[in-house]
PDB file of N, CA and C in Angstrom:
ATOM      1  N   MET A   1     -18.714  94.507 -53.588  1.00  0.00           N
ATOM      2  CA  MET A   1     -18.409  93.129 -53.687  1.00  0.00           C
ATOM      3  C   MET A   1     -18.644  92.263 -52.612  1.00  0.00           C
ATOM      4  N   HIS A   2     -19.370  91.099 -52.856  1.00  0.00           N
ATOM      5  CA  HIS A   2     -19.683  90.190 -51.736  1.00  0.00           C
ATOM      6  C   HIS A   2     -18.272  89.281 -51.330  1.00  0.00           C
ATOM      7  N   ALA A   3     -18.439  88.884 -50.260  1.00  0.00           N
ATOM      8  CA  ALA A   3     -17.361  87.774 -49.595  1.00  0.00           C
ATOM      9  C   ALA A   3     -16.071  88.494 -49.631  1.00  0.00           C
ATOM     10  N   PHE A   4     -16.028  89.765 -49.067  1.00  0.00           N
ATOM     11  CA  PHE A   4     -14.784  90.608 -49.058  1.00  0.00           C
ATOM     12  C   PHE A   4     -13.767  90.073 -47.698  1.00  0.00           C
ATOM     13  N   THR A   5     -14.374  89.441 -47.104  1.00  0.00           N
ATOM     14  CA  THR A   5     -13.510  88.789 -45.775  1.00  0.00           C
ATOM     15  C   THR A   5     -13.037  87.251 -46.182  1.00  0.00           C
ATOM     16  N   ASN A   6     -13.311  86.844 -47.194  1.00  0.00           N
ATOM     17  CA  ASN A   6     -12.954  85.528 -47.657  1.00  0.00           C
ATOM     18  C   ASN A   6     -11.791  85.618 -48.574  1.00  0.00           C
ATOM     19  N   PRO A   7     -10.479  85.245 -48.120  1.00  0.00           N
ATOM     20  CA  PRO A   7      -9.374  85.219 -49.119  1.00  0.00           C
ATOM     21  C   PRO A   7      -9.472  84.429 -50.343  1.00  0.00           C
ATOM     22  N   GLU A   8     -10.418  83.496 -50.543  1.00  0.00           N
ATOM     23  CA  GLU A   8     -10.599  82.712 -51.590  1.00  0.00           C
ATOM     24  C   GLU A   8     -11.724  83.182 -52.585  1.00  0.00           C
ATOM     25  N   ALA A   9     -12.083  84.377 -52.083  1.00  0.00           N
ATOM     26  CA  ALA A   9     -13.378  84.914 -52.904  1.00  0.00           C
ATOM     27  C   ALA A   9     -13.011  85.505 -54.360  1.00  0.00           C
ATOM     28  N   THR A  10     -11.865  85.972 -54.385  1.00  0.00           N
ATOM     29  CA  THR A  10     -11.344  86.642 -55.700  1.00  0.00           C
ATOM     30  C   THR A  10     -11.457  85.457 -56.809  1.00  0.00           C
ATOM     31  N   GLY A  11     -10.855  84.311 -56.362  1.00  0.00           N
ATOM     32  CA  GLY A  11     -10.694  83.095 -57.367  1.00  0.00           C
ATOM     33  C   GLY A  11     -11.887  82.567 -57.771  1.00  0.00           C
ATOM     34  N   LYS A  12     -13.016  82.147 -56.664  1.00  0.00           N
ATOM     35  CA  LYS A  12     -14.182  81.840 -57.035  1.00  0.00           C
ATOM     36  C   LYS A  12     -15.025  82.754 -57.687  1.00  0.00           C
ATOM     37  N   GLY A  13     -14.921  84.029 -57.550  1.00  0.00           N
ATOM     38  CA  GLY A  13     -15.469  84.847 -58.402  1.00  0.00           C
ATOM     39  C   GLY A  13     -15.239  85.006 -59.857  1.00  0.00           C
ATOM     40  N   LYS A  14     -13.963  84.846 -60.020  1.00  0.00           N
ATOM     41  CA  LYS A  14     -13.475  84.861 -61.575  1.00  0.00           C
ATOM     42  C   LYS A  14     -13.887  83.276 -62.118  1.00  0.00           C
ATOM     43  N   GLN A  15     -13.829  82.326 -61.256  1.00  0.00           N
ATOM     44  CA  GLN A  15     -14.062  81.101 -61.759  1.00  0.00           C
ATOM     45  C   GLN A  15     -15.525  80.919 -62.181  1.00  0.00           C
ATOM     46  N   TYR A  16     -16.386  81.422 -61.449  1.00  0.00           N
ATOM     47  CA  TYR A  16     -17.835  81.303 -61.681  1.00  0.00           C
ATOM     48  C   TYR A  16     -18.549  82.616 -62.170  1.00  0.00           C
ATOM     49  N   LYS A  17     -17.680  83.647 -62.581  1.00  0.00           N
ATOM     50  CA  LYS A  17     -18.114  84.874 -62.917  1.00  0.00           C
ATOM     51  C   LYS A  17     -19.320  85.494 -62.081  1.00  0.00           C
ATOM     52  N   LEU A  18     -18.879  85.668 -60.764  1.00  0.00           N
ATOM     53  CA  LEU A  18     -19.639  86.260 -59.676  1.00  0.00           C
ATOM     54  C   LEU A  18     -19.052  87.525 -59.077  1.00  0.00           C
ATOM     55  N   PRO A  19     -19.934  88.415 -58.394  1.00  0.00           N
ATOM     56  CA  PRO A  19     -19.288  89.600 -57.821  1.00  0.00           C
ATOM     57  C   PRO A  19     -18.552  89.210 -56.620  1.00  0.00           C
ATOM     58  N   LEU A  20     -17.589  88.516 -56.508  1.00  0.00           N
ATOM     59  CA  LEU A  20     -16.755  88.107 -55.495  1.00  0.00           C
ATOM     60  C   LEU A  20     -15.520  88.722 -55.295  1.00  0.00           C
ATOM     61  N   ALA A  21     -15.047  89.159 -54.363  1.00  0.00           N
ATOM     62  CA  ALA A  21     -13.425  89.533 -54.276  1.00  0.00           C
ATOM     63  C   ALA A  21     -13.073  89.868 -52.887  1.00  0.00           C
ATOM     64  N   TYR A  22     -12.145  89.305 -52.573  1.00  0.00           N
ATOM     65  CA  TYR A  22     -11.447  89.690 -51.228  1.00  0.00           C
ATOM     66  C   TYR A  22     -10.737  90.998 -51.241  1.00  0.00           C
ATOM     67  N   ASN A  23     -10.908  91.646 -50.139  1.00  0.00           N
ATOM     68  CA  ASN A  23     -10.550  93.014 -49.832  1.00  0.00           C
ATOM     69  C   ASN A  23      -9.853  93.015 -48.596  1.00  0.00           C
ATOM     70  N   ALA A  24      -8.626  92.985 -48.519  1.00  0.00           N
ATOM     71  CA  ALA A  24      -7.799  92.809 -47.198  1.00  0.00           C
ATOM     72  C   ALA A  24      -8.161  94.041 -46.350  1.00  0.00           C
ATOM     73  N   GLU A  25      -8.187  95.276 -46.877  1.00  0.00           N
ATOM     74  CA  GLU A  25      -8.256  96.553 -46.030  1.00  0.00           C
ATOM     75  C   GLU A  25      -9.766  96.651 -45.499  1.00  0.00           C
ATOM     76  N   ALA A  26     -10.612  96.166 -46.244  1.00  0.00           N
ATOM     77  CA  ALA A  26     -11.967  96.107 -45.760  1.00  0.00           C
ATOM     78  C   ALA A  26     -12.308  94.743 -44.631  1.00  0.00           C
ATOM     79  N   ASP A  27     -11.499  93.861 -44.917  1.00  0.00           N
ATOM     80  CA  ASP A  27     -11.424  92.630 -43.888  1.00  0.00           C
ATOM     81  C   ASP A  27     -11.006  93.163 -42.609  1.00  0.00           C
ATOM     82  N   THR A  28     -10.000  93.906 -42.566  1.00  0.00           N
ATOM     83  CA  THR A  28      -9.290  94.357 -41.331  1.00  0.00           C
ATOM     84  C   THR A  28     -10.147  95.173 -40.791  1.00  0.00           C
ATOM     85  N   GLN A  29     -10.766  96.150 -41.365  1.00  0.00           N
ATOM     86  CA  GLN A  29     -11.494  97.143 -40.850  1.00  0.00           C
ATOM     87  C   GLN A  29     -12.847  96.442 -40.248  1.00  0.00           C
ATOM     88  N   SER A  30     -13.300  95.735 -41.011  1.00  0.00           N
ATOM     89  CA  SER A  30     -14.422  95.125 -40.397  1.00  0.00           C
ATOM     90  C   SER A  30     -14.502  94.201 -39.184  1.00  0.00           C
ATOM     91  N   LYS A  31     -13.410  93.628 -39.068  1.00  0.00           N
ATOM     92  CA  LYS A  31     -13.128  92.803 -38.001  1.00  0.00           C
ATOM     93  C   LYS A  31     -12.833  93.813 -36.603  1.00  0.00           C
ATOM     94  N   ALA A  32     -12.104  94.796 -37.012  1.00  0.00           N
ATOM     95  CA  ALA A  32     -11.730  95.703 -35.860  1.00  0.00           C
ATOM     96  C   ALA A  32     -13.027  96.508 -35.454  1.00  0.00           C
ATOM     97  N   GLU A  33     -14.034  96.805 -36.324  1.00  0.00           N
ATOM     98  CA  GLU A  33     -15.363  97.354 -35.714  1.00  0.00           C
ATOM     99  C   GLU A  33     -16.044  96.324 -35.103  1.00  0.00           C
ATOM    100  N   ALA A  34     -16.231  95.217 -35.474  1.00  0.00           N
ATOM    101  CA  ALA A  34     -16.886  94.085 -34.943  1.00  0.00           C
ATOM    102  C   ALA A  34     -16.282  93.993 -33.495  1.00  0.00           C
ATOM    103  N   ALA A  35     -15.132  93.905 -33.324  1.00  0.00           N
ATOM    104  CA  ALA A  35     -14.409  93.698 -32.102  1.00  0.00           C
ATOM    105  C   ALA A  35     -14.791  94.942 -31.148  1.00  0.00           C
ATOM    106  N   LYS A  36     -14.958  96.066 -31.582  1.00  0.00           N
ATOM    107  CA  LYS A  36     -15.181  97.224 -30.741  1.00  0.00           C
ATOM    108  C   LYS A  36     -16.721  97.190 -30.450  1.00  0.00           C
ATOM    109  N   PHE A  37     -17.517  96.973 -31.487  1.00  0.00           N
ATOM    110  CA  PHE A  37     -18.912  96.754 -31.091  1.00  0.00           C
ATOM    111  C   PHE A  37     -19.277  95.828 -30.053  1.00  0.00           C
ATOM    112  N   PHE A  38     -18.748  94.553 -30.105  1.00  0.00           N
ATOM    113  CA  PHE A  38     -18.997  93.354 -29.178  1.00  0.00           C
ATOM    114  C   PHE A  38     -18.280  93.809 -27.907  1.00  0.00           C
ATOM    115  N   GLY A  39     -16.977  94.504 -27.810  1.00  0.00           N
ATOM    116  CA  GLY A  39     -16.642  94.980 -26.645  1.00  0.00           C
ATOM    117  C   GLY A  39     -17.449  95.802 -25.781  1.00  0.00           C
ATOM    118  N   ALA A  40     -18.091  96.790 -26.681  1.00  0.00           N
ATOM    119  CA  ALA A  40     -18.966  97.872 -25.990  1.00  0.00           C
ATOM    120  C   ALA A  40     -20.285  97.223 -25.463  1.00  0.00           C
ATOM    121  N   ILE A  41     -20.690  96.016 -26.061  1.00  0.00           N
ATOM    122  CA  ILE A  41     -21.901  95.383 -25.518  1.00  0.00           C
ATOM    123  C   ILE A  41     -21.781  94.502 -24.515  1.00  0.00           C
ATOM    124  N   PHE A  42     -20.651  93.826 -24.549  1.00  0.00           N
ATOM    125  CA  PHE A  42     -20.289  92.639 -23.654  1.00  0.00           C
ATOM    126  C   PHE A  42     -19.072  93.005 -22.619  1.00  0.00           C
ATOM    127  N   LYS A  43     -19.357  94.106 -21.896  1.00  0.00           N
ATOM    128  CA  LYS A  43     -18.399  94.853 -21.167  1.00  0.00           C
ATOM    129  C   LYS A  43     -18.134  93.747 -19.812  1.00  0.00           C
TER     130      LYS A  43
END
C-alpha cells in the first residue's frame, strides 16, 4: 500500500478508491530505520 506513514491515508484511499492505507507498525519501523541510516551517515 502507498502512503503507509500518513494516518489519514486509509480514509482517503476509501474515499477515492485508491490503494492507500496507514500502517502504524510499518510507519514506526520505517522511521526507526531512517534514523539509524542517517545516524550512521552523519556521525
